[in-house]
Amino acid sequence: MPRTLTLLLGALVLASMAHAQSTRPGLWEINQKVGGNAEMDQAMAQMQQQMAGLSAAEKKMMQDMMARQGVTLPTPGAGGGMVMKVCITPEMAAKQDMPVQTEGECTTTITSRSANTLKMNVVCKNPPSSGEGTYTFSGDTAYTMKMLMKTTHQGKPVSTTLDGQGRWLSASCGTVKPVK
């Protein structure tokens, strides 16, 4: 899997946790679609095929690894997207901050915040990449987001988009652990 795709998958968790003025704690369903260039689309399709072909033991190992980070194993969604469930604790919701993205040595800066919109910039060192995103919130139970990431691959500039939606499912997270 290309390093950029790994970073973007890490960004799925980061993106799933954006906070505006308030976010309801509990279980959230996050739908994300990565695209914007043929190589990334092909890598996502291959990753989905590989995930579909995992044995029960391999799926369990992957689920356990992701559960330690507070995320359910992504499943294929409509249009080649990925769907995952994330638990947001009351403490996390009260902070209204972005979680720290450790993969790729990334720094996230919130550039503006209003009652229903949050704009941010992301800069990563490994591989060198940058991006900007906008989240639009529908109260404290839903949001839509768009992100554009730019990097280089084999000396060529590459732009990748990340489109998504989040919706609150319930106050109880059930077996989904909070994001670390």
Protein backbone atom coordinates (compact mmCIF):
# COMPACT_ATOMS: atom_id res chain seq x y z
CA MET A 1 0.00 0.00 0.00
CA PRO A 2 1.54 3.38 -0.93
CA ARG A 3 2.66 5.49 2.04
CA THR A 4 0.32 8.30 0.92
CA LEU A 5 -2.65 5.93 1.12
CA THR A 6 -1.58 4.89 4.61
CA LEU A 7 -1.48 8.56 5.62
CA LEU A 8 -4.90 9.17 4.12
CA LEU A 9 -6.35 6.20 5.97
CA GLY A 10 -4.88 7.67 9.14
CA ALA A 11 -6.55 10.92 8.16
CA LEU A 12 -9.89 9.07 8.07
CA VAL A 13 -9.69 8.76 11.82
CA LEU A 14 -8.47 12.33 12.13
CA ALA A 15 -11.23 13.56 9.84
CA SER A 16 -13.85 11.57 11.68
CA MET A 17 -13.11 13.47 14.86
CA ALA A 18 -13.40 17.10 13.74
CA HIS A 19 -15.33 19.20 16.23
CA ALA A 20 -17.25 22.45 15.68
CA GLN A 21 -18.98 24.22 18.54
CA SER A 22 -20.44 20.95 19.85
CA THR A 23 -20.38 17.27 18.95
CA ARG A 24 -22.66 14.76 20.62
CA PRO A 25 -20.76 12.04 22.48
CA GLY A 26 -21.45 8.43 21.60
CA LEU A 27 -21.23 6.14 18.60
CA TRP A 28 -20.70 7.75 15.20
CA GLU A 29 -20.79 6.25 11.70
CA ILE A 30 -18.23 7.78 9.36
CA ASN A 31 -18.45 7.43 5.57
CA GLN A 32 -15.35 8.46 3.61
CA LYS A 33 -14.40 8.34 -0.04
CA VAL A 34 -10.81 8.91 -1.14
CA GLY A 35 -10.25 9.82 -4.78
CA GLY A 36 -8.97 12.43 -7.13
CA ASN A 37 -6.37 10.45 -9.03
CA ALA A 38 -6.26 7.13 -10.81
CA GLU A 39 -3.41 5.69 -8.72
CA MET A 40 -5.19 6.42 -5.44
CA ASP A 41 -8.48 5.04 -6.75
CA GLN A 42 -6.69 1.84 -7.82
CA ALA A 43 -4.91 1.54 -4.45
CA MET A 44 -8.22 1.95 -2.59
CA ALA A 45 -9.88 -0.69 -4.79
CA GLN A 46 -6.98 -3.09 -4.15
CA MET A 47 -7.14 -2.45 -0.42
CA GLN A 48 -10.88 -3.17 -0.40
CA GLN A 49 -10.31 -6.41 -2.34
CA GLN A 50 -7.59 -7.44 0.10
CA MET A 51 -9.81 -6.69 3.08
CA ALA A 52 -12.66 -8.70 1.52
CA GLY A 53 -10.29 -11.64 1.01
CA LEU A 54 -9.01 -11.81 4.60
CA SER A 55 -9.53 -15.03 6.50
CA ALA A 56 -11.60 -14.95 9.69
CA ALA A 57 -8.38 -14.98 11.78
CA GLU A 58 -6.84 -12.14 9.74
CA LYS A 59 -10.04 -10.08 10.02
CA LYS A 60 -10.08 -10.65 13.78
CA MET A 61 -6.44 -9.52 14.06
CA MET A 62 -7.18 -6.39 11.98
CA GLN A 63 -10.34 -5.66 13.99
CA ASP A 64 -8.42 -6.00 17.26
CA MET A 65 -5.62 -3.72 16.04
CA MET A 66 -8.08 -1.04 14.92
CA ALA A 67 -10.20 -1.45 18.07
CA ARG A 68 -7.13 -0.56 20.16
CA GLN A 69 -7.18 2.76 18.29
CA GLY A 70 -10.93 3.14 18.85
CA VAL A 71 -12.03 2.42 15.28
CA THR A 72 -14.02 -0.41 13.77
CA LEU A 73 -12.65 -2.19 10.71
CA PRO A 74 -13.69 -0.12 7.68
CA THR A 75 -16.14 -1.84 5.37
CA PRO A 76 -16.81 -1.06 1.73
CA GLY A 77 -19.44 1.62 1.24
CA ALA A 78 -21.29 3.12 -1.69
CA GLY A 79 -19.22 4.40 -4.59
CA GLY A 80 -15.96 2.86 -3.40
CA GLY A 81 -16.00 4.62 -0.05
CA MET A 82 -15.28 3.20 3.38
CA VAL A 83 -17.57 3.08 6.41
CA MET A 84 -16.36 2.88 10.01
CA LYS A 85 -17.71 3.42 13.48
CA VAL A 86 -15.99 5.70 16.00
CA CYS A 87 -16.67 6.29 19.70
CA ILE A 88 -16.50 9.86 21.00
CA THR A 89 -16.45 10.21 24.80
CA PRO A 90 -18.11 13.13 26.62
CA GLU A 91 -14.61 14.42 27.48
CA MET A 92 -13.54 14.34 23.83
CA ALA A 93 -16.71 16.15 22.76
CA ALA A 94 -16.23 18.81 25.44
CA LYS A 95 -12.66 19.60 24.29
CA GLN A 96 -13.77 20.54 20.76
CA ASP A 97 -10.20 19.92 19.56
CA MET A 98 -8.69 17.86 16.80
CA PRO A 99 -6.94 14.68 17.91
CA VAL A 100 -3.21 14.42 17.32
CA GLN A 101 -2.30 12.72 14.02
CA THR A 102 0.92 10.82 14.75
CA GLU A 103 1.29 8.93 11.44
CA GLY A 104 3.44 10.96 9.04
CA GLU A 105 4.47 13.56 11.63
CA CYS A 106 1.43 15.72 10.80
CA THR A 107 0.43 19.07 12.25
CA THR A 108 -3.20 20.19 12.07
CA THR A 109 -4.15 23.85 12.41
CA ILE A 110 -7.72 25.05 12.69
CA THR A 111 -7.86 28.20 10.55
CA SER A 112 -11.46 29.21 11.30
CA ARG A 113 -14.40 28.00 13.32
CA SER A 114 -18.01 29.17 13.38
CA ALA A 115 -21.29 27.77 14.69
CA ASN A 116 -21.51 25.22 11.85
CA THR A 117 -18.20 25.32 9.93
CA LEU A 118 -14.64 24.36 10.74
CA LYS A 119 -11.72 24.93 8.37
CA MET A 120 -8.29 23.41 8.88
CA ASN A 121 -4.87 22.92 7.31
CA VAL A 122 -2.74 19.77 7.61
CA VAL A 123 1.01 19.59 6.98
CA CYS A 124 2.86 16.24 7.10
CA LYS A 125 6.61 15.65 7.02
CA ASN A 126 6.72 11.97 6.01
CA PRO A 127 5.95 11.90 3.15
CA PRO A 128 5.91 15.67 2.62
CA SER A 129 2.29 16.61 2.00
CA SER A 130 -0.22 19.30 2.86
CA GLY A 131 -3.92 19.84 2.66
CA GLU A 132 -6.93 21.80 3.68
CA GLY A 133 -10.37 20.73 4.73
CA THR A 134 -13.80 22.13 5.48
CA TYR A 135 -16.40 20.55 7.76
CA THR A 136 -20.02 21.68 7.71
CA PHE A 137 -22.06 20.60 10.72
CA SER A 138 -25.80 19.95 10.94
CA GLY A 139 -26.24 20.43 14.66
CA ASP A 140 -24.32 18.10 16.93
CA THR A 141 -25.36 14.85 15.20
CA ALA A 142 -24.11 15.11 11.60
CA TYR A 143 -21.50 16.70 9.36
CA THR A 144 -20.15 16.68 5.83
CA MET A 145 -16.53 17.30 4.96
CA LYS A 146 -14.25 17.89 2.00
CA MET A 147 -10.47 17.71 2.13
CA LEU A 148 -7.80 18.20 -0.52
CA MET A 149 -4.33 16.75 0.09
CA LYS A 150 -1.30 17.50 -2.10
CA THR A 151 1.95 15.55 -2.25
CA THR A 152 4.45 14.24 -4.78
CA HIS A 153 4.84 10.65 -5.93
CA GLN A 154 7.86 9.64 -8.01
CA GLY A 155 8.60 13.32 -8.60
CA LYS A 156 5.11 14.18 -9.85
CA PRO A 157 2.55 16.33 -8.00
CA VAL A 158 -0.47 14.36 -6.79
CA SER A 159 -3.76 15.75 -5.47
CA THR A 160 -6.13 13.53 -3.52
CA THR A 161 -9.62 14.32 -2.30
CA LEU A 162 -11.37 13.03 0.79
CA ASP A 163 -15.15 13.46 0.93
CA GLY A 164 -17.15 12.28 3.87
CA GLN A 165 -20.09 12.40 6.18
CA GLY A 166 -20.49 11.60 9.83
CA ARG A 167 -23.68 10.84 11.69
CA TRP A 168 -24.39 10.14 15.31
CA LEU A 169 -25.90 6.70 15.91
CA SER A 170 -26.42 6.39 19.67
CA ALA A 171 -25.32 7.55 23.10
CA SER A 172 -23.82 4.12 23.80
CA CYS A 173 -20.68 3.08 21.95
CA GLY A 174 -21.35 -0.61 22.67
CA THR A 175 -18.16 -2.57 21.96
CA VAL A 176 -16.44 0.26 20.04
CA LYS A 177 -13.66 1.74 22.18
CA PRO A 178 -12.93 5.51 22.23
CA VAL A 179 -10.37 6.84 19.76
CA LYS A 180 -6.92 7.21 21.33
